[in-house]
N, C-alpha and C. Protein backbone atom coordinates (compact mmCIF):
# COMPACT_ATOMS: atom_id res chain seq x y z
N MET A 1 118.19 -60.18 87.73
CA MET A 1 116.93 -60.71 87.22
C MET A 1 117.12 -61.22 85.79
N SER A 2 116.45 -62.28 85.48
CA SER A 2 116.55 -62.91 84.17
C SER A 2 115.95 -62.02 83.08
N GLU A 3 116.50 -62.12 81.87
CA GLU A 3 115.96 -61.33 80.76
C GLU A 3 114.56 -61.80 80.36
N ASP A 4 114.15 -62.98 80.84
CA ASP A 4 112.82 -63.50 80.52
C ASP A 4 111.74 -62.92 81.43
N ILE A 5 112.14 -62.08 82.38
CA ILE A 5 111.20 -61.56 83.37
C ILE A 5 111.12 -60.04 83.25
N VAL A 6 109.89 -59.53 83.21
CA VAL A 6 109.63 -58.09 83.12
C VAL A 6 109.63 -57.52 84.54
N GLU A 7 110.22 -56.36 84.71
CA GLU A 7 110.17 -55.70 86.02
C GLU A 7 108.96 -54.77 86.05
N VAL A 8 108.10 -54.97 87.05
CA VAL A 8 106.88 -54.16 87.19
C VAL A 8 107.07 -53.17 88.33
N SER A 9 106.57 -51.96 88.12
CA SER A 9 106.66 -50.91 89.14
C SER A 9 105.33 -50.16 89.18
N ASP A 10 105.25 -49.20 90.11
CA ASP A 10 104.05 -48.34 90.15
C ASP A 10 103.83 -47.67 88.80
N ASP A 11 104.93 -47.30 88.13
CA ASP A 11 104.84 -46.55 86.87
C ASP A 11 104.32 -47.37 85.70
N ASN A 12 104.69 -48.66 85.63
CA ASN A 12 104.32 -49.42 84.43
C ASN A 12 103.31 -50.54 84.69
N PHE A 13 102.84 -50.70 85.92
CA PHE A 13 101.95 -51.81 86.26
C PHE A 13 100.76 -51.91 85.30
N ALA A 14 100.01 -50.81 85.15
CA ALA A 14 98.79 -50.84 84.33
C ALA A 14 99.10 -51.23 82.88
N SER A 15 100.19 -50.68 82.32
CA SER A 15 100.50 -50.99 80.92
C SER A 15 100.96 -52.43 80.75
N VAL A 16 101.69 -52.98 81.73
CA VAL A 16 102.13 -54.38 81.64
C VAL A 16 100.91 -55.30 81.70
N VAL A 17 100.00 -55.04 82.64
CA VAL A 17 98.81 -55.89 82.77
C VAL A 17 97.96 -55.80 81.50
N LYS A 18 97.78 -54.59 80.99
CA LYS A 18 96.95 -54.38 79.81
C LYS A 18 97.58 -54.99 78.56
N GLY A 19 98.92 -54.94 78.48
CA GLY A 19 99.62 -55.38 77.28
C GLY A 19 99.96 -56.85 77.25
N SER A 20 99.66 -57.57 78.32
CA SER A 20 100.01 -58.99 78.40
C SER A 20 98.74 -59.81 78.43
N GLY A 21 98.69 -60.85 77.60
CA GLY A 21 97.53 -61.75 77.64
C GLY A 21 97.56 -62.57 78.91
N LYS A 22 98.49 -63.49 78.97
CA LYS A 22 98.66 -64.36 80.14
C LYS A 22 99.87 -63.84 80.91
N LEU A 23 99.65 -63.48 82.16
CA LEU A 23 100.68 -62.80 82.95
C LEU A 23 100.68 -63.34 84.37
N ILE A 24 101.89 -63.56 84.90
CA ILE A 24 102.05 -63.90 86.32
C ILE A 24 103.02 -62.89 86.91
N ILE A 25 102.57 -62.21 87.97
CA ILE A 25 103.44 -61.26 88.66
C ILE A 25 103.83 -61.86 90.01
N ASP A 26 105.13 -61.92 90.25
CA ASP A 26 105.68 -62.35 91.53
C ASP A 26 105.88 -61.09 92.38
N CYS A 27 105.08 -60.95 93.44
CA CYS A 27 105.22 -59.82 94.36
C CYS A 27 106.18 -60.26 95.45
N TRP A 28 107.29 -59.56 95.58
CA TRP A 28 108.39 -59.99 96.43
C TRP A 28 109.10 -58.79 97.04
N ALA A 29 110.08 -59.05 97.89
CA ALA A 29 110.98 -58.01 98.42
C ALA A 29 112.35 -58.65 98.65
N PRO A 30 113.42 -57.85 98.51
CA PRO A 30 114.77 -58.39 98.61
C PRO A 30 115.09 -59.02 99.98
N TRP A 31 114.48 -58.55 101.04
CA TRP A 31 114.77 -59.05 102.39
C TRP A 31 113.99 -60.32 102.73
N CYS A 32 113.11 -60.76 101.85
CA CYS A 32 112.19 -61.87 102.12
C CYS A 32 112.84 -63.21 101.75
N GLY A 33 113.14 -64.04 102.75
CA GLY A 33 113.76 -65.35 102.51
C GLY A 33 112.93 -66.26 101.62
N PRO A 34 111.63 -66.44 101.92
CA PRO A 34 110.80 -67.29 101.05
C PRO A 34 110.74 -66.78 99.61
N CYS A 35 110.80 -65.46 99.43
CA CYS A 35 110.81 -64.88 98.07
C CYS A 35 112.05 -65.34 97.32
N ARG A 36 113.19 -65.34 98.01
CA ARG A 36 114.43 -65.78 97.38
C ARG A 36 114.39 -67.28 97.08
N MET A 37 113.68 -68.04 97.92
CA MET A 37 113.54 -69.49 97.66
C MET A 37 112.70 -69.75 96.40
N LEU A 38 111.70 -68.91 96.16
CA LEU A 38 110.81 -69.08 95.01
C LEU A 38 111.46 -68.62 93.70
N ALA A 39 112.40 -67.67 93.80
CA ALA A 39 112.97 -67.04 92.59
C ALA A 39 113.51 -68.01 91.54
N PRO A 40 114.31 -69.04 91.90
CA PRO A 40 114.82 -69.94 90.85
C PRO A 40 113.71 -70.69 90.11
N THR A 41 112.67 -71.08 90.82
CA THR A 41 111.53 -71.76 90.19
C THR A 41 110.83 -70.82 89.23
N PHE A 42 110.61 -69.58 89.67
CA PHE A 42 109.93 -68.58 88.85
C PHE A 42 110.74 -68.29 87.59
N GLU A 43 112.06 -68.17 87.74
CA GLU A 43 112.93 -67.90 86.59
C GLU A 43 112.94 -69.06 85.61
N ALA A 44 112.93 -70.29 86.12
CA ALA A 44 112.90 -71.46 85.24
C ALA A 44 111.58 -71.53 84.47
N LEU A 45 110.48 -71.23 85.14
CA LEU A 45 109.18 -71.21 84.45
C LEU A 45 109.16 -70.12 83.37
N ALA A 46 109.71 -68.95 83.69
CA ALA A 46 109.75 -67.85 82.71
C ALA A 46 110.51 -68.26 81.46
N LYS A 47 111.58 -68.99 81.64
CA LYS A 47 112.38 -69.46 80.51
C LYS A 47 111.60 -70.51 79.70
N ASP A 48 110.99 -71.46 80.40
CA ASP A 48 110.29 -72.56 79.73
C ASP A 48 109.01 -72.14 79.04
N TYR A 49 108.36 -71.09 79.53
CA TYR A 49 107.09 -70.65 78.94
C TYR A 49 107.23 -69.35 78.17
N LYS A 50 108.46 -69.00 77.83
CA LYS A 50 108.71 -67.76 77.08
C LYS A 50 107.88 -67.74 75.79
N GLY A 51 107.22 -66.63 75.53
CA GLY A 51 106.39 -66.51 74.34
C GLY A 51 104.96 -66.99 74.55
N LYS A 52 104.71 -67.70 75.65
CA LYS A 52 103.35 -68.20 75.93
C LYS A 52 102.73 -67.46 77.10
N VAL A 53 103.55 -67.18 78.12
CA VAL A 53 103.10 -66.50 79.33
C VAL A 53 104.14 -65.44 79.67
N THR A 54 103.69 -64.25 80.08
CA THR A 54 104.60 -63.21 80.52
C THR A 54 104.82 -63.36 82.02
N PHE A 55 106.07 -63.36 82.43
CA PHE A 55 106.43 -63.45 83.84
C PHE A 55 107.00 -62.11 84.27
N ALA A 56 106.55 -61.63 85.41
CA ALA A 56 107.00 -60.32 85.89
C ALA A 56 107.25 -60.39 87.39
N LYS A 57 108.12 -59.50 87.85
CA LYS A 57 108.39 -59.39 89.29
C LYS A 57 108.15 -57.95 89.71
N MET A 58 107.53 -57.80 90.89
CA MET A 58 107.30 -56.47 91.44
C MET A 58 107.84 -56.43 92.87
N ASP A 59 108.84 -55.57 93.08
CA ASP A 59 109.39 -55.36 94.42
C ASP A 59 108.36 -54.55 95.20
N THR A 60 107.77 -55.15 96.22
CA THR A 60 106.68 -54.50 96.95
C THR A 60 107.19 -53.30 97.78
N ASP A 61 108.47 -53.27 98.10
CA ASP A 61 109.02 -52.11 98.81
C ASP A 61 109.12 -50.90 97.87
N LYS A 62 109.56 -51.15 96.65
CA LYS A 62 109.72 -50.05 95.68
C LYS A 62 108.38 -49.63 95.07
N SER A 63 107.41 -50.54 95.05
CA SER A 63 106.10 -50.26 94.43
C SER A 63 104.98 -50.42 95.46
N ALA A 64 105.15 -49.73 96.58
CA ALA A 64 104.20 -49.88 97.69
C ALA A 64 102.78 -49.47 97.31
N LYS A 65 102.65 -48.47 96.46
CA LYS A 65 101.32 -47.99 96.06
C LYS A 65 100.55 -49.10 95.34
N THR A 66 101.21 -49.74 94.38
CA THR A 66 100.57 -50.83 93.63
C THR A 66 100.32 -52.03 94.54
N ALA A 67 101.29 -52.36 95.38
CA ALA A 67 101.13 -53.49 96.31
C ALA A 67 99.91 -53.26 97.21
N MET A 68 99.74 -52.04 97.70
CA MET A 68 98.58 -51.73 98.54
C MET A 68 97.28 -51.83 97.75
N SER A 69 97.28 -51.31 96.52
CA SER A 69 96.05 -51.35 95.71
C SER A 69 95.66 -52.79 95.36
N LEU A 70 96.66 -53.69 95.29
CA LEU A 70 96.39 -55.10 95.01
C LEU A 70 96.06 -55.88 96.29
N GLY A 71 96.21 -55.24 97.44
CA GLY A 71 95.93 -55.91 98.70
C GLY A 71 96.96 -56.97 99.06
N ILE A 72 98.22 -56.73 98.70
CA ILE A 72 99.29 -57.67 99.04
C ILE A 72 99.61 -57.51 100.52
N ASN A 73 99.36 -58.54 101.32
CA ASN A 73 99.71 -58.44 102.73
C ASN A 73 100.64 -59.55 103.19
N SER A 74 101.05 -60.42 102.29
CA SER A 74 102.13 -61.36 102.59
C SER A 74 102.84 -61.71 101.29
N ILE A 75 104.13 -61.96 101.40
CA ILE A 75 104.93 -62.26 100.21
C ILE A 75 105.73 -63.52 100.47
N PRO A 76 106.08 -64.27 99.43
CA PRO A 76 105.76 -64.00 98.03
C PRO A 76 104.29 -64.29 97.71
N THR A 77 103.75 -63.47 96.82
CA THR A 77 102.41 -63.69 96.28
C THR A 77 102.52 -63.68 94.77
N LEU A 78 102.00 -64.73 94.13
CA LEU A 78 101.92 -64.77 92.67
C LEU A 78 100.50 -64.39 92.28
N ILE A 79 100.39 -63.40 91.39
CA ILE A 79 99.08 -62.99 90.90
C ILE A 79 99.01 -63.34 89.42
N PHE A 80 97.98 -64.07 89.06
CA PHE A 80 97.76 -64.51 87.68
C PHE A 80 96.73 -63.60 87.02
N PHE A 81 97.08 -63.06 85.86
CA PHE A 81 96.17 -62.23 85.07
C PHE A 81 95.95 -62.90 83.73
N ASN A 82 94.72 -62.85 83.25
CA ASN A 82 94.41 -63.36 81.91
C ASN A 82 93.57 -62.29 81.22
N GLY A 83 94.09 -61.75 80.11
CA GLY A 83 93.37 -60.70 79.39
C GLY A 83 93.15 -59.45 80.23
N GLY A 84 94.11 -59.12 81.10
CA GLY A 84 94.00 -57.92 81.91
C GLY A 84 93.20 -58.08 83.20
N GLN A 85 92.61 -59.26 83.41
CA GLN A 85 91.81 -59.51 84.61
C GLN A 85 92.56 -60.44 85.56
N GLN A 86 92.53 -60.10 86.84
CA GLN A 86 93.12 -61.00 87.83
C GLN A 86 92.23 -62.23 87.95
N VAL A 87 92.83 -63.42 87.78
CA VAL A 87 92.04 -64.66 87.80
C VAL A 87 92.42 -65.59 88.94
N GLU A 88 93.59 -65.35 89.56
CA GLU A 88 94.03 -66.25 90.64
C GLU A 88 95.14 -65.57 91.42
N ARG A 89 95.31 -66.03 92.65
CA ARG A 89 96.37 -65.51 93.52
C ARG A 89 96.85 -66.66 94.39
N VAL A 90 98.16 -66.81 94.49
CA VAL A 90 98.76 -67.88 95.28
C VAL A 90 99.81 -67.23 96.19
N THR A 91 99.75 -67.53 97.47
CA THR A 91 100.68 -66.94 98.43
C THR A 91 101.61 -68.02 98.99
N GLY A 92 102.88 -67.65 99.18
CA GLY A 92 103.86 -68.56 99.76
C GLY A 92 104.67 -69.28 98.70
N VAL A 93 105.71 -69.96 99.17
CA VAL A 93 106.57 -70.73 98.27
C VAL A 93 105.81 -71.97 97.84
N ARG A 94 105.74 -72.20 96.55
CA ARG A 94 105.05 -73.37 96.00
C ARG A 94 105.98 -74.14 95.10
N PRO A 95 105.82 -75.47 95.07
CA PRO A 95 106.61 -76.24 94.11
C PRO A 95 106.19 -75.91 92.67
N ARG A 96 107.12 -76.13 91.76
CA ARG A 96 106.87 -75.84 90.35
C ARG A 96 105.59 -76.49 89.85
N ALA A 97 105.34 -77.74 90.22
CA ALA A 97 104.15 -78.46 89.74
C ALA A 97 102.86 -77.75 90.17
N ASP A 98 102.84 -77.20 91.38
CA ASP A 98 101.65 -76.46 91.84
C ASP A 98 101.40 -75.23 90.97
N ILE A 99 102.49 -74.50 90.68
CA ILE A 99 102.35 -73.29 89.87
C ILE A 99 101.90 -73.66 88.46
N GLU A 100 102.49 -74.72 87.90
CA GLU A 100 102.08 -75.15 86.54
C GLU A 100 100.63 -75.61 86.52
N ASN A 101 100.18 -76.30 87.55
CA ASN A 101 98.78 -76.73 87.60
C ASN A 101 97.85 -75.52 87.66
N THR A 102 98.23 -74.51 88.41
CA THR A 102 97.42 -73.29 88.47
C THR A 102 97.40 -72.62 87.10
N MET A 103 98.55 -72.58 86.43
CA MET A 103 98.62 -71.99 85.09
C MET A 103 97.69 -72.71 84.13
N LYS A 104 97.72 -74.06 84.17
CA LYS A 104 96.87 -74.84 83.26
C LYS A 104 95.39 -74.55 83.51
N ARG A 105 95.05 -74.39 84.79
CA ARG A 105 93.64 -74.16 85.16
C ARG A 105 93.17 -72.75 84.73
N VAL A 106 93.98 -71.72 84.96
CA VAL A 106 93.52 -70.35 84.72
C VAL A 106 93.82 -69.82 83.32
N PHE A 107 94.75 -70.46 82.60
CA PHE A 107 95.12 -70.00 81.25
C PHE A 107 94.61 -70.95 80.18
N LYS A 108 93.39 -71.42 80.29
CA LYS A 108 92.83 -72.35 79.29
C LYS A 108 92.71 -71.70 77.94
């Protein structure tokens, strides 16, 4: 995982969400093909928006409790938080432009 991406787990989920203004969490699992397809795009965005938006990844297998509490039922799912509040959710592999457009809309 890139150094630009925070790893989220059941243990630190609440503190990461609370401590980050603009945050995108990629809910994924190692066995998920579409998740692996999205990873390079997510890592590139994390690098390009470093210092402006926090990018995080949560392995839904390792953090099943949090995944269940968030209602994750398909992966990959990107969850956008602004000021600690969930503001948007996108499921499936998306092109970079789609993710950036969502960021522009929810992180005004």
